[in-house]
Amino acid sequence: MAVEIKLPRVKSHEQRKQWIDLLETVVQYHLDMAENFKLAEEDADMHKIHTGWAQSILEAIWLVQMWEIDGEADLEENEGFEMILPTDLEE
């Protein structure tokens, strides 16, 4: 029995941008939290946890950037989205 894999889709560029904006805000929150725990040696684990969460959410952003838009056959309309790289984030 074959399993049908459905690709994630959004209805518009704007909807995809809203998801990305939301997730970018969460990434920044976790980077800020990681920074708060960075200096205290007893909080080193919390620093690592928040840094890991920020990186994981960043990877989710990469996936959202790949979502197709319903009814969109031409990839040219997807231009204008810049891939966010780990080097773009402050540690």
N, C-alpha and C. Protein backbone atom coordinates (compact mmCIF):
# COMPACT_ATOMS: atom_id res chain seq x y z
N MET A 1 0.84 -1.18 0.00
CA MET A 1 0.00 0.00 0.00
C MET A 1 0.89 1.25 0.00
N ALA A 2 0.72 2.11 -0.97
CA ALA A 2 1.52 3.33 -1.09
C ALA A 2 0.95 4.43 -0.20
N VAL A 3 1.84 5.17 0.38
CA VAL A 3 1.45 6.29 1.22
C VAL A 3 1.60 7.57 0.41
N GLU A 4 0.54 8.35 0.38
CA GLU A 4 0.58 9.61 -0.35
C GLU A 4 1.18 10.69 0.57
N ILE A 5 2.20 11.34 0.06
CA ILE A 5 2.85 12.41 0.82
C ILE A 5 2.34 13.74 0.28
N LYS A 6 1.73 14.51 1.13
CA LYS A 6 1.22 15.80 0.73
C LYS A 6 2.23 16.88 1.14
N LEU A 7 2.56 17.73 0.19
CA LEU A 7 3.49 18.81 0.47
C LEU A 7 2.76 19.94 1.18
N PRO A 8 3.41 20.57 2.16
CA PRO A 8 2.79 21.71 2.83
C PRO A 8 2.59 22.85 1.83
N ARG A 9 1.47 23.53 1.97
CA ARG A 9 1.15 24.65 1.09
C ARG A 9 0.55 25.78 1.91
N VAL A 10 0.68 26.97 1.38
CA VAL A 10 0.02 28.13 1.96
C VAL A 10 -0.83 28.76 0.86
N LYS A 11 -1.73 29.64 1.25
CA LYS A 11 -2.65 30.22 0.29
C LYS A 11 -2.06 31.44 -0.43
N SER A 12 -1.04 32.08 0.18
CA SER A 12 -0.48 33.28 -0.42
C SER A 12 0.92 33.54 0.11
N HIS A 13 1.61 34.43 -0.58
CA HIS A 13 2.91 34.90 -0.09
C HIS A 13 2.76 35.48 1.31
N GLU A 14 1.68 36.24 1.49
CA GLU A 14 1.45 36.91 2.77
C GLU A 14 1.29 35.90 3.90
N GLN A 15 0.58 34.83 3.65
CA GLN A 15 0.40 33.81 4.69
C GLN A 15 1.75 33.18 5.05
N ARG A 16 2.56 32.88 4.04
CA ARG A 16 3.88 32.31 4.32
C ARG A 16 4.73 33.32 5.10
N LYS A 17 4.67 34.59 4.72
CA LYS A 17 5.44 35.63 5.42
C LYS A 17 5.00 35.74 6.88
N GLN A 18 3.71 35.62 7.13
CA GLN A 18 3.22 35.67 8.51
C GLN A 18 3.80 34.53 9.35
N TRP A 19 3.86 33.33 8.78
CA TRP A 19 4.46 32.20 9.49
C TRP A 19 5.93 32.47 9.78
N ILE A 20 6.64 32.97 8.78
CA ILE A 20 8.07 33.24 8.95
C ILE A 20 8.28 34.32 10.00
N ASP A 21 7.50 35.39 9.95
CA ASP A 21 7.63 36.47 10.94
C ASP A 21 7.39 35.96 12.36
N LEU A 22 6.37 35.13 12.52
CA LEU A 22 6.07 34.56 13.83
C LEU A 22 7.25 33.73 14.33
N LEU A 23 7.75 32.84 13.49
CA LEU A 23 8.85 31.97 13.89
C LEU A 23 10.14 32.76 14.13
N GLU A 24 10.38 33.82 13.35
CA GLU A 24 11.57 34.65 13.59
C GLU A 24 11.51 35.32 14.96
N THR A 25 10.31 35.72 15.37
CA THR A 25 10.13 36.32 16.68
C THR A 25 10.46 35.31 17.78
N VAL A 26 10.04 34.07 17.59
CA VAL A 26 10.31 33.02 18.57
C VAL A 26 11.81 32.70 18.61
N VAL A 27 12.46 32.69 17.45
CA VAL A 27 13.91 32.47 17.41
C VAL A 27 14.61 33.55 18.22
N GLN A 28 14.22 34.80 18.00
CA GLN A 28 14.87 35.91 18.71
C GLN A 28 14.63 35.81 20.22
N TYR A 29 13.43 35.41 20.62
CA TYR A 29 13.13 35.22 22.04
C TYR A 29 14.10 34.20 22.65
N HIS A 30 14.28 33.07 21.99
CA HIS A 30 15.15 32.03 22.54
C HIS A 30 16.62 32.45 22.51
N LEU A 31 17.02 33.22 21.51
CA LEU A 31 18.39 33.74 21.51
C LEU A 31 18.60 34.71 22.66
N ASP A 32 17.59 35.54 22.93
CA ASP A 32 17.67 36.47 24.07
C ASP A 32 17.74 35.70 25.38
N MET A 33 16.93 34.67 25.51
CA MET A 33 16.96 33.85 26.73
C MET A 33 18.31 33.16 26.88
N ALA A 34 18.86 32.65 25.78
CA ALA A 34 20.17 32.01 25.83
C ALA A 34 21.23 33.00 26.29
N GLU A 35 21.13 34.22 25.82
CA GLU A 35 22.09 35.26 26.22
C GLU A 35 21.97 35.55 27.72
N ASN A 36 20.76 35.54 28.24
CA ASN A 36 20.56 35.78 29.68
C ASN A 36 21.23 34.71 30.53
N PHE A 37 21.28 33.49 30.03
CA PHE A 37 21.86 32.38 30.79
C PHE A 37 23.33 32.14 30.46
N LYS A 38 23.86 32.90 29.53
CA LYS A 38 25.21 32.65 29.03
C LYS A 38 26.30 32.88 30.09
N LEU A 39 26.14 33.87 30.92
CA LEU A 39 27.21 34.28 31.83
C LEU A 39 27.33 33.42 33.08
N ALA A 40 26.22 32.91 33.56
CA ALA A 40 26.24 32.14 34.80
C ALA A 40 26.58 30.67 34.50
N GLU A 41 27.63 30.18 35.14
CA GLU A 41 28.08 28.81 34.89
C GLU A 41 27.01 27.79 35.27
N GLU A 42 26.26 28.06 36.33
CA GLU A 42 25.23 27.11 36.76
C GLU A 42 24.05 27.07 35.79
N ASP A 43 23.97 28.06 34.91
CA ASP A 43 22.88 28.11 33.93
C ASP A 43 23.35 27.70 32.53
N ALA A 44 24.50 27.06 32.43
CA ALA A 44 25.04 26.67 31.13
C ALA A 44 24.08 25.76 30.36
N ASP A 45 23.40 24.87 31.07
CA ASP A 45 22.45 23.97 30.40
C ASP A 45 21.29 24.75 29.80
N MET A 46 20.79 25.76 30.51
CA MET A 46 19.68 26.58 29.99
C MET A 46 20.14 27.35 28.75
N HIS A 47 21.38 27.81 28.76
CA HIS A 47 21.93 28.49 27.59
C HIS A 47 21.91 27.55 26.39
N LYS A 48 22.36 26.32 26.59
CA LYS A 48 22.40 25.34 25.50
C LYS A 48 21.00 24.99 25.02
N ILE A 49 20.07 24.84 25.95
CA ILE A 49 18.69 24.49 25.59
C ILE A 49 18.07 25.57 24.72
N HIS A 50 18.17 26.83 25.15
CA HIS A 50 17.56 27.92 24.38
C HIS A 50 18.25 28.11 23.04
N THR A 51 19.56 27.92 23.00
CA THR A 51 20.29 28.01 21.74
C THR A 51 19.83 26.90 20.79
N GLY A 52 19.67 25.69 21.32
CA GLY A 52 19.19 24.57 20.51
C GLY A 52 17.78 24.79 20.00
N TRP A 53 16.92 25.33 20.85
CA TRP A 53 15.55 25.61 20.41
C TRP A 53 15.55 26.66 19.30
N ALA A 54 16.36 27.70 19.46
CA ALA A 54 16.44 28.74 18.44
C ALA A 54 16.89 28.13 17.11
N GLN A 55 17.90 27.27 17.14
CA GLN A 55 18.38 26.63 15.91
C GLN A 55 17.31 25.73 15.30
N SER A 56 16.60 25.00 16.13
CA SER A 56 15.54 24.11 15.62
C SER A 56 14.43 24.91 14.96
N ILE A 57 14.05 26.01 15.56
CA ILE A 57 12.99 26.84 14.99
C ILE A 57 13.48 27.49 13.70
N LEU A 58 14.76 27.85 13.65
CA LEU A 58 15.34 28.38 12.43
C LEU A 58 15.22 27.36 11.30
N GLU A 59 15.45 26.12 11.61
CA GLU A 59 15.31 25.07 10.59
C GLU A 59 13.85 24.93 10.15
N ALA A 60 12.92 25.16 11.07
CA ALA A 60 11.50 25.16 10.69
C ALA A 60 11.21 26.31 9.72
N ILE A 61 11.87 27.44 9.92
CA ILE A 61 11.70 28.58 9.00
C ILE A 61 12.17 28.17 7.61
N TRP A 62 13.26 27.45 7.53
CA TRP A 62 13.75 27.00 6.22
C TRP A 62 12.69 26.16 5.53
N LEU A 63 12.01 25.31 6.29
CA LEU A 63 10.96 24.48 5.70
C LEU A 63 9.78 25.33 5.23
N VAL A 64 9.40 26.31 6.03
CA VAL A 64 8.28 27.19 5.65
C VAL A 64 8.65 27.95 4.37
N GLN A 65 9.92 28.33 4.25
CA GLN A 65 10.33 29.05 3.04
C GLN A 65 10.21 28.18 1.79
N MET A 66 10.18 26.88 1.97
CA MET A 66 10.03 25.95 0.83
C MET A 66 8.58 25.63 0.52
N TRP A 67 7.64 26.03 1.38
CA TRP A 67 6.23 25.72 1.13
C TRP A 67 5.80 26.32 -0.19
N GLU A 68 5.01 25.57 -0.90
CA GLU A 68 4.45 26.06 -2.15
C GLU A 68 3.18 26.85 -1.85
N ILE A 69 2.86 27.73 -2.77
CA ILE A 69 1.63 28.51 -2.65
C ILE A 69 0.58 27.83 -3.51
N ASP A 70 -0.63 27.63 -2.96
CA ASP A 70 -1.72 26.98 -3.70
C ASP A 70 -1.92 27.65 -5.04
N GLY A 71 -1.97 26.82 -6.07
CA GLY A 71 -2.26 27.32 -7.40
C GLY A 71 -1.08 27.99 -8.07
N GLU A 72 0.05 27.99 -7.44
CA GLU A 72 1.21 28.66 -8.02
C GLU A 72 2.07 27.64 -8.75
N ALA A 73 2.14 27.78 -10.05
CA ALA A 73 2.93 26.84 -10.84
C ALA A 73 4.30 27.43 -11.17
N ASP A 74 4.42 28.75 -11.10
CA ASP A 74 5.66 29.41 -11.50
C ASP A 74 6.45 29.81 -10.27
N LEU A 75 7.67 29.32 -10.16
CA LEU A 75 8.49 29.62 -8.99
C LEU A 75 9.00 31.06 -8.97
N GLU A 76 8.89 31.78 -10.09
CA GLU A 76 9.38 33.15 -10.12
C GLU A 76 8.66 34.02 -9.09
N GLU A 77 7.41 33.71 -8.80
CA GLU A 77 6.67 34.50 -7.82
C GLU A 77 7.21 34.30 -6.41
N ASN A 78 7.98 33.24 -6.20
CA ASN A 78 8.56 32.98 -4.88
C ASN A 78 9.83 33.78 -4.65
N GLU A 79 10.32 34.44 -5.67
CA GLU A 79 11.53 35.22 -5.50
C GLU A 79 11.25 36.36 -4.54
N GLY A 80 12.28 36.80 -3.87
CA GLY A 80 12.13 37.87 -2.91
C GLY A 80 12.21 37.37 -1.48
N PHE A 81 12.16 36.05 -1.29
CA PHE A 81 12.35 35.48 0.04
C PHE A 81 13.82 35.17 0.20
N GLU A 82 14.42 35.72 1.23
CA GLU A 82 15.82 35.44 1.49
C GLU A 82 15.92 34.32 2.51
N MET A 83 16.80 33.38 2.23
CA MET A 83 17.04 32.29 3.18
C MET A 83 17.79 32.87 4.38
N ILE A 84 17.30 32.58 5.58
CA ILE A 84 17.96 33.02 6.80
C ILE A 84 18.96 31.95 7.19
N LEU A 85 20.19 32.34 7.34
CA LEU A 85 21.24 31.39 7.68
C LEU A 85 21.66 31.56 9.14
N PRO A 86 22.22 30.52 9.74
CA PRO A 86 22.66 30.63 11.15
C PRO A 86 23.63 31.77 11.37
N THR A 87 24.41 32.12 10.35
CA THR A 87 25.36 33.21 10.51
C THR A 87 24.66 34.56 10.59
N ASP A 88 23.39 34.60 10.21
CA ASP A 88 22.62 35.84 10.30
C ASP A 88 22.13 36.11 11.72
N LEU A 89 22.20 35.09 12.58
CA LEU A 89 21.72 35.24 13.94
C LEU A 89 22.88 35.55 14.87
N GLU A 90 22.62 36.34 15.86
CA GLU A 90 23.64 36.64 16.85
C GLU A 90 23.68 35.52 17.86
N GLU A 91 24.89 35.20 18.31
CA GLU A 91 25.01 34.17 19.35
C GLU A 91 25.15 34.83 20.69
